[in-house]
Amino acid sequence: MKILPVIFLCATPLLAPLALADSAGTGQTSSDTTSAPAADNAGGGGAGAAAVDTAITTKVKSVLMAEPGISSLGIAVTTHQGDVTLSGQVKTRAQMSRAIELASNVNGVHKVVSVLRVSAAAS
C-alpha cells in the first residue's frame, strides 16, 4: 500500500500535459505560446513590442548622453509602440531642438513627442 502513493506522485507530472489539452483535440495545451509572437507583431503589444520599446529607449538615451552639448541627466525618455516622449528640463531651446532631432534619427522611432522645458535659471 505504501508503494501506490509514490508511483502516483511519479506519474502525475507525466499526465499533467494531457489534462491541459484543449477540448477540440488539436494537441495544443494552455501553456502553448507558439502563436504569441504573431500576436505581438500584429497588434503592437505584448512582450515583443515592450522589448523593442526598451531597445529604442536605451538607444535614444545613449545618443543623448554622447552629445556634448546636451545634459542628458535632465531628460527622461519613454517609448510606447515606437513613439518616444522626451520630458524634463534643458538649458536652452537649442538643446531642446537638438534632443528632438537626435531622438528622431534613432532607428525604430516613429515620432517624438517633446514635453521638454527650458529651465528658467539658464546658466
C-alpha atoms as a PDB file:
ATOM      1  CA  MET A   1       0.000   0.000   0.000  1.00  0.00           C
ATOM      2  CA  LYS A   2       2.831   2.435   0.628  1.00  0.00           C
ATOM      3  CA  ILE A   3       4.146   1.975  -2.924  1.00  0.00           C
ATOM      4  CA  LEU A   4       0.973   3.284  -4.601  1.00  0.00           C
ATOM      5  CA  PRO A   5       1.330   6.949  -3.427  1.00  0.00           C
ATOM      6  CA  VAL A   6       4.968   7.005  -4.593  1.00  0.00           C
ATOM      7  CA  ILE A   7       4.047   5.661  -8.030  1.00  0.00           C
ATOM      8  CA  PHE A   8       1.142   8.081  -8.274  1.00  0.00           C
ATOM      9  CA  LEU A   9       3.356  11.070  -7.431  1.00  0.00           C
ATOM     10  CA  CYS A  10       5.898   9.999 -10.040  1.00  0.00           C
ATOM     11  CA  ALA A  11       3.260   9.555 -12.733  1.00  0.00           C
ATOM     12  CA  THR A  12       1.449  12.857 -12.096  1.00  0.00           C
ATOM     13  CA  PRO A  13       3.962  15.082 -13.992  1.00  0.00           C
ATOM     14  CA  LEU A  14       3.664  12.783 -16.988  1.00  0.00           C
ATOM     15  CA  LEU A  15      -0.124  13.065 -17.080  1.00  0.00           C
ATOM     16  CA  ALA A  16      -0.375  16.823 -16.470  1.00  0.00           C
ATOM     17  CA  PRO A  17       0.082  17.849 -20.150  1.00  0.00           C
ATOM     18  CA  LEU A  18      -2.797  15.563 -21.118  1.00  0.00           C
ATOM     19  CA  ALA A  19      -5.084  17.347 -18.667  1.00  0.00           C
ATOM     20  CA  LEU A  20      -4.211  20.709 -20.226  1.00  0.00           C
ATOM     21  CA  ALA A  21      -5.042  19.704 -23.805  1.00  0.00           C
ATOM     22  CA  ASP A  22      -7.945  21.620 -25.289  1.00  0.00           C
ATOM     23  CA  SER A  23     -11.310  20.005 -25.909  1.00  0.00           C
ATOM     24  CA  ALA A  24     -11.049  20.408 -29.691  1.00  0.00           C
ATOM     25  CA  GLY A  25      -8.314  17.791 -29.799  1.00  0.00           C
ATOM     26  CA  THR A  26      -5.724  19.979 -31.517  1.00  0.00           C
ATOM     27  CA  GLY A  27      -2.979  18.818 -29.175  1.00  0.00           C
ATOM     28  CA  GLN A  28      -2.186  22.347 -28.054  1.00  0.00           C
ATOM     29  CA  THR A  29      -2.036  22.935 -24.348  1.00  0.00           C
ATOM     30  CA  SER A  30      -2.962  26.004 -22.378  1.00  0.00           C
ATOM     31  CA  SER A  31       0.742  26.792 -21.895  1.00  0.00           C
ATOM     32  CA  ASP A  32       1.494  26.668 -25.638  1.00  0.00           C
ATOM     33  CA  THR A  33       2.856  30.048 -26.796  1.00  0.00           C
ATOM     34  CA  THR A  34       3.603  29.305 -30.446  1.00  0.00           C
ATOM     35  CA  SER A  35       1.125  31.964 -31.595  1.00  0.00           C
ATOM     36  CA  ALA A  36       2.300  34.686 -29.185  1.00  0.00           C
ATOM     37  CA  PRO A  37       4.950  36.281 -31.457  1.00  0.00           C
ATOM     38  CA  ALA A  38       2.451  36.734 -34.273  1.00  0.00           C
ATOM     39  CA  ALA A  39       0.032  38.429 -31.896  1.00  0.00           C
ATOM     40  CA  ASP A  40       2.799  40.701 -30.613  1.00  0.00           C
ATOM     41  CA  ASN A  41       3.769  41.795 -34.111  1.00  0.00           C
ATOM     42  CA  ALA A  42       0.244  42.211 -35.412  1.00  0.00           C
ATOM     43  CA  GLY A  43      -1.224  44.203 -32.538  1.00  0.00           C
ATOM     44  CA  GLY A  44       1.860  46.128 -31.494  1.00  0.00           C
ATOM     45  CA  GLY A  45       1.543  44.959 -27.891  1.00  0.00           C
ATOM     46  CA  GLY A  46       2.985  42.302 -25.684  1.00  0.00           C
ATOM     47  CA  ALA A  47       6.452  41.288 -24.636  1.00  0.00           C
ATOM     48  CA  GLY A  48       7.938  41.603 -28.128  1.00  0.00           C
ATOM     49  CA  ALA A  49       6.814  45.209 -28.502  1.00  0.00           C
ATOM     50  CA  ALA A  50       7.960  46.010 -24.967  1.00  0.00           C
ATOM     51  CA  ALA A  51      11.416  44.667 -25.783  1.00  0.00           C
ATOM     52  CA  VAL A  52      11.577  46.791 -28.932  1.00  0.00           C
ATOM     53  CA  ASP A  53      10.441  49.877 -26.990  1.00  0.00           C
ATOM     54  CA  THR A  54      13.082  49.216 -24.331  1.00  0.00           C
ATOM     55  CA  ALA A  55      15.773  48.943 -27.001  1.00  0.00           C
ATOM     56  CA  ILE A  56      14.633  52.218 -28.590  1.00  0.00           C
ATOM     57  CA  THR A  57      14.625  53.981 -25.199  1.00  0.00           C
ATOM     58  CA  THR A  58      18.141  52.711 -24.482  1.00  0.00           C
ATOM     59  CA  LYS A  59      19.411  53.850 -27.878  1.00  0.00           C
ATOM     60  CA  VAL A  60      17.858  57.319 -27.527  1.00  0.00           C
ATOM     61  CA  LYS A  61      19.394  57.718 -24.052  1.00  0.00           C
ATOM     62  CA  SER A  62      22.779  56.624 -25.404  1.00  0.00           C
ATOM     63  CA  VAL A  63      22.615  59.098 -28.283  1.00  0.00           C
ATOM     64  CA  LEU A  64      21.652  61.933 -25.922  1.00  0.00           C
ATOM     65  CA  MET A  65      24.461  61.039 -23.499  1.00  0.00           C
ATOM     66  CA  ALA A  66      27.002  61.017 -26.339  1.00  0.00           C
ATOM     67  CA  GLU A  67      26.010  64.524 -27.448  1.00  0.00           C
ATOM     68  CA  PRO A  68      28.430  67.005 -25.847  1.00  0.00           C
ATOM     69  CA  GLY A  69      26.046  69.978 -25.895  1.00  0.00           C
ATOM     70  CA  ILE A  70      23.197  68.258 -24.034  1.00  0.00           C
ATOM     71  CA  SER A  71      22.944  67.481 -20.336  1.00  0.00           C
ATOM     72  CA  SER A  72      21.041  64.222 -20.735  1.00  0.00           C
ATOM     73  CA  LEU A  73      20.655  63.763 -16.978  1.00  0.00           C
ATOM     74  CA  GLY A  74      17.737  66.194 -17.042  1.00  0.00           C
ATOM     75  CA  ILE A  75      15.947  64.367 -19.866  1.00  0.00           C
ATOM     76  CA  ALA A  76      13.662  61.388 -19.285  1.00  0.00           C
ATOM     77  CA  VAL A  77      12.931  59.109 -22.239  1.00  0.00           C
ATOM     78  CA  THR A  78       9.930  56.803 -22.568  1.00  0.00           C
ATOM     79  CA  THR A  79       8.818  54.790 -25.572  1.00  0.00           C
ATOM     80  CA  HIS A  80       5.447  53.266 -26.413  1.00  0.00           C
ATOM     81  CA  GLN A  81       4.978  51.428 -29.704  1.00  0.00           C
ATOM     82  CA  GLY A  82       7.867  53.345 -31.260  1.00  0.00           C
ATOM     83  CA  ASP A  83       6.608  56.761 -30.131  1.00  0.00           C
ATOM     84  CA  VAL A  84       9.272  58.428 -27.992  1.00  0.00           C
ATOM     85  CA  THR A  85       8.442  61.018 -25.329  1.00  0.00           C
ATOM     86  CA  LEU A  86      11.162  63.343 -24.059  1.00  0.00           C
ATOM     87  CA  SER A  87      10.436  65.093 -20.775  1.00  0.00           C
ATOM     88  CA  GLY A  88      12.381  67.130 -18.262  1.00  0.00           C
ATOM     89  CA  GLN A  89      14.443  70.289 -18.473  1.00  0.00           C
ATOM     90  CA  VAL A  90      17.170  71.564 -20.751  1.00  0.00           C
ATOM     91  CA  LYS A  91      19.155  74.786 -20.526  1.00  0.00           C
ATOM     92  CA  THR A  92      18.362  76.266 -23.958  1.00  0.00           C
ATOM     93  CA  ARG A  93      15.939  75.997 -26.852  1.00  0.00           C
ATOM     94  CA  ALA A  94      18.861  74.838 -28.991  1.00  0.00           C
ATOM     95  CA  GLN A  95      19.399  71.882 -26.645  1.00  0.00           C
ATOM     96  CA  MET A  96      15.712  71.040 -26.826  1.00  0.00           C
ATOM     97  CA  SER A  97      15.729  71.125 -30.632  1.00  0.00           C
ATOM     98  CA  ARG A  98      18.898  69.031 -30.786  1.00  0.00           C
ATOM     99  CA  ALA A  99      17.493  66.413 -28.378  1.00  0.00           C
ATOM    100  CA  ILE A 100      14.352  66.094 -30.513  1.00  0.00           C
ATOM    101  CA  GLU A 101      16.437  65.828 -33.687  1.00  0.00           C
ATOM    102  CA  LEU A 102      18.720  63.154 -32.217  1.00  0.00           C
ATOM    103  CA  ALA A 103      15.790  61.091 -30.921  1.00  0.00           C
ATOM    104  CA  SER A 104      14.016  61.351 -34.288  1.00  0.00           C
ATOM    105  CA  ASN A 105      17.034  59.878 -36.059  1.00  0.00           C
ATOM    106  CA  VAL A 106      17.143  56.694 -33.959  1.00  0.00           C
ATOM    107  CA  ASN A 107      16.156  53.601 -35.906  1.00  0.00           C
ATOM    108  CA  GLY A 108      12.659  52.399 -34.956  1.00  0.00           C
ATOM    109  CA  VAL A 109      11.354  55.754 -33.728  1.00  0.00           C
ATOM    110  CA  HIS A 110       8.013  56.598 -35.340  1.00  0.00           C
ATOM    111  CA  LYS A 111       7.573  60.023 -33.792  1.00  0.00           C
ATOM    112  CA  VAL A 112       8.957  62.152 -30.976  1.00  0.00           C
ATOM    113  CA  VAL A 113       6.724  63.959 -28.505  1.00  0.00           C
ATOM    114  CA  SER A 114       8.531  66.634 -26.525  1.00  0.00           C
ATOM    115  CA  VAL A 115       7.386  67.913 -23.186  1.00  0.00           C
ATOM    116  CA  LEU A 116      10.834  69.349 -22.519  1.00  0.00           C
ATOM    117  CA  ARG A 117      11.036  72.709 -20.810  1.00  0.00           C
ATOM    118  CA  VAL A 118      13.762  75.291 -20.960  1.00  0.00           C
ATOM    119  CA  SER A 119      14.853  75.958 -17.399  1.00  0.00           C
ATOM    120  CA  ALA A 120      14.242  79.489 -16.142  1.00  0.00           C
ATOM    121  CA  ALA A 121      17.665  79.666 -14.486  1.00  0.00           C
ATOM    122  CA  ALA A 122      19.811  79.050 -17.572  1.00  0.00           C
ATOM    123  CA  SER A 123      23.470  79.136 -16.670  1.00  0.00           C
END
